[in-house]
Each structure stands twice: as structure tokens, then as C-alpha cells.
Amino acid sequence: MTTLEEAKKQLRKNFKAGQACPCCHQFVKAYKLQIHSTMARALLEFYHNAPHDRFTHVRNSNRFPILIKSGSFSKLAYWDLIQEERNDDTDKKRSGHWKLTQNGILFAEKQLKIKRYVWVYNGKMLPMQEDEQTDIVGCLGKKFSYSELMGH
């Protein structure tokens, strides 16, 4: 039988590759997430169509077609670009209400660079981060024009 400390040590060693926990058999893996063009476009759509000073429900609005189609929007919170309103409804997993953070506004306006990658385990960002940085234009890639998306 493996002790809890031995299991933790073994899991930490294989965190990036992933493995079944020797204690509970749950698959344990850290995931490396990259901020990509669809996320950047969704952020700019939210920047243009949502008030910056209050939370907005994103799923019940026709103002956010890209954002609604993107399952990655909520992941922008790992980069501190958006913030979810606290959910007090125990019947719902999430509130569905979001707002831009100050970092989200600065990033959308090309005034802030962020880490291109973050590591996430069990819905929480891990301190093991990558050093490579990017700006909104770098996230959009060559396929999209920042000026066109910003309307100038």
C-alpha cells in the first residue's frame, strides 16, 4: 500500500504526462492551455458589446455570437482578463455573468502583454507558468486584423 505522501510525490513527478492516482484512481493531469485566436476574438467582441463597469449575462444575448460559439471564453479568467460574478444559485453551476477585468481592458487595447500559456489542474491555475508572452495581436495571428476588429 502506498502512503499518501508517496502518492503525492509520484503524482507530482508525472503531473504533465498524467496518471491514475494510486489512492483514488482518478486520472490526474495538469493541462497546458494557450490563449488562441478564438479566445482573443471573443474577448474583443465582449470588449465592444458589454459594459466595462458591470457584469453581463453572455449566453442570453445575441450581442455575442463568437463568444457563445466559443467554449473557451471562460478560460480567459485564467489570464485574469475576465471575471465571473459570484453564483448564489445552487441549482446552477455558474452565474453566466461576466465582466472584463482591468487587465482584460488593457489587453484588448494593446497595452498589456500576458503569458501565452498557463498550466491548469482541476479547474485551478498552477504556479508552474511559462515565460513566453504575447499581446492581443499575437493571439489573433495572421488570420485576423486587429485594426479591423477594433473598428479603426
Foldseek 3Di string as FASTA:
>chain_A
DDDPVRQVVVCVVCQDVWDQRPPPRDIHHKDKDFQAQLLLLQLLLCVVQPDQPFWDQDCPDPSRPSNNVDPCNVVVVLQQQKDFDDDPDPVDPGPSIMHGDPVNNCLLVQNDKTARIFIDTPRDTDPPGDDDIDGSDVRNPPPDDSCVSNVD
